[in-house]
Amino acid sequence: MMIPIRCFSCGKPIGHLWEQYKEKTEKGDDPKKVMDSLGLERYCCRAMILGHVDLIDTSARFKKF
């Protein structure tokens, strides 16, 4: 659904970087350079960002109980 606030492996806060990453990669920037500029150096944090699928719009269409 939403990006986790912290990396599951190391605990570094990464939730606040998702919007910046998304904006820069949609403009056509290289994901590796974007992650370097955002300070994501550990492979676990990079995997959290790369493996995230933004499903909030999909789930928002369904009725809440």
C-alpha atoms as a PDB file:
ATOM      1  CA  MET A   1       0.000   0.000   0.000  1.00  0.00           C
ATOM      2  CA  MET A   2       2.179   2.804   1.295  1.00  0.00           C
ATOM      3  CA  ILE A   3       5.952   2.796   1.514  1.00  0.00           C
ATOM      4  CA  PRO A   4       7.144   1.657   4.957  1.00  0.00           C
ATOM      5  CA  ILE A   5       8.439   4.443   7.171  1.00  0.00           C
ATOM      6  CA  ARG A   6      11.622   2.544   8.005  1.00  0.00           C
ATOM      7  CA  CYS A   7      13.713  -0.059   6.221  1.00  0.00           C
ATOM      8  CA  PHE A   8      12.820  -3.523   7.499  1.00  0.00           C
ATOM      9  CA  SER A   9      16.473  -4.616   7.688  1.00  0.00           C
ATOM     10  CA  CYS A  10      18.463  -1.698   9.040  1.00  0.00           C
ATOM     11  CA  GLY A  11      15.801   0.648  10.420  1.00  0.00           C
ATOM     12  CA  LYS A  12      16.828   3.730   8.446  1.00  0.00           C
ATOM     13  CA  PRO A  13      13.920   6.131   7.781  1.00  0.00           C
ATOM     14  CA  ILE A  14      13.043   5.944   4.070  1.00  0.00           C
ATOM     15  CA  GLY A  15       9.332   6.804   3.908  1.00  0.00           C
ATOM     16  CA  HIS A  16       9.918  10.507   3.353  1.00  0.00           C
ATOM     17  CA  LEU A  17      12.085   9.822   0.280  1.00  0.00           C
ATOM     18  CA  TRP A  18       9.417   8.024  -1.773  1.00  0.00           C
ATOM     19  CA  GLU A  19       7.772  11.134  -3.278  1.00  0.00           C
ATOM     20  CA  GLN A  20      11.117  12.641  -4.286  1.00  0.00           C
ATOM     21  CA  TYR A  21      12.229   9.355  -5.839  1.00  0.00           C
ATOM     22  CA  LYS A  22       8.956   8.965  -7.706  1.00  0.00           C
ATOM     23  CA  GLU A  23       9.045  12.521  -9.099  1.00  0.00           C
ATOM     24  CA  LYS A  24      12.646  12.303 -10.272  1.00  0.00           C
ATOM     25  CA  THR A  25      12.299   8.904 -11.939  1.00  0.00           C
ATOM     26  CA  GLU A  26       9.095   9.962 -13.719  1.00  0.00           C
ATOM     27  CA  LYS A  27      11.059  12.866 -15.203  1.00  0.00           C
ATOM     28  CA  GLY A  28      13.426  10.311 -16.727  1.00  0.00           C
ATOM     29  CA  ASP A  29      16.361  10.378 -14.326  1.00  0.00           C
ATOM     30  CA  ASP A  30      18.375   7.216 -13.755  1.00  0.00           C
ATOM     31  CA  PRO A  31      17.112   5.400 -10.619  1.00  0.00           C
ATOM     32  CA  LYS A  32      20.683   4.671  -9.469  1.00  0.00           C
ATOM     33  CA  LYS A  33      21.652   8.340  -9.572  1.00  0.00           C
ATOM     34  CA  VAL A  34      18.420   9.358  -7.868  1.00  0.00           C
ATOM     35  CA  MET A  35      19.025   6.937  -4.993  1.00  0.00           C
ATOM     36  CA  ASP A  36      22.612   8.150  -4.656  1.00  0.00           C
ATOM     37  CA  SER A  37      21.428  11.767  -4.474  1.00  0.00           C
ATOM     38  CA  LEU A  38      18.807  10.869  -1.841  1.00  0.00           C
ATOM     39  CA  GLY A  39      21.443   9.183   0.339  1.00  0.00           C
ATOM     40  CA  LEU A  40      20.273   5.586  -0.074  1.00  0.00           C
ATOM     41  CA  GLU A  41      23.563   3.713   0.053  1.00  0.00           C
ATOM     42  CA  ARG A  42      22.613   0.387   1.641  1.00  0.00           C
ATOM     43  CA  TYR A  43      21.291  -2.340  -0.609  1.00  0.00           C
ATOM     44  CA  CYS A  44      18.461  -3.138   1.803  1.00  0.00           C
ATOM     45  CA  CYS A  45      17.104   0.417   1.615  1.00  0.00           C
ATOM     46  CA  ARG A  46      17.453   0.450  -2.163  1.00  0.00           C
ATOM     47  CA  ALA A  47      15.547  -2.821  -2.373  1.00  0.00           C
ATOM     48  CA  MET A  48      12.724  -1.362  -0.268  1.00  0.00           C
ATOM     49  CA  ILE A  49      12.374   1.573  -2.671  1.00  0.00           C
ATOM     50  CA  LEU A  50      12.756  -0.471  -5.869  1.00  0.00           C
ATOM     51  CA  GLY A  51      10.448  -3.254  -4.732  1.00  0.00           C
ATOM     52  CA  HIS A  52       7.646  -0.956  -3.634  1.00  0.00           C
ATOM     53  CA  VAL A  53       4.466  -0.990  -5.725  1.00  0.00           C
ATOM     54  CA  ASP A  54       2.172   1.948  -5.079  1.00  0.00           C
ATOM     55  CA  LEU A  55      -1.265   0.368  -4.616  1.00  0.00           C
ATOM     56  CA  ILE A  56      -3.011   3.123  -2.661  1.00  0.00           C
ATOM     57  CA  ASP A  57      -5.001   4.276  -5.728  1.00  0.00           C
ATOM     58  CA  THR A  58      -6.107   0.725  -6.483  1.00  0.00           C
ATOM     59  CA  SER A  59      -7.266   0.025  -2.949  1.00  0.00           C
ATOM     60  CA  ALA A  60      -9.025   3.391  -2.654  1.00  0.00           C
ATOM     61  CA  ARG A  61     -11.573   2.308  -5.290  1.00  0.00           C
ATOM     62  CA  PHE A  62     -13.024  -0.386  -3.060  1.00  0.00           C
ATOM     63  CA  LYS A  63     -15.757   0.142  -0.517  1.00  0.00           C
ATOM     64  CA  LYS A  64     -14.798   0.343   3.144  1.00  0.00           C
ATOM     65  CA  PHE A  65     -16.796  -1.691   5.640  1.00  0.00           C
END
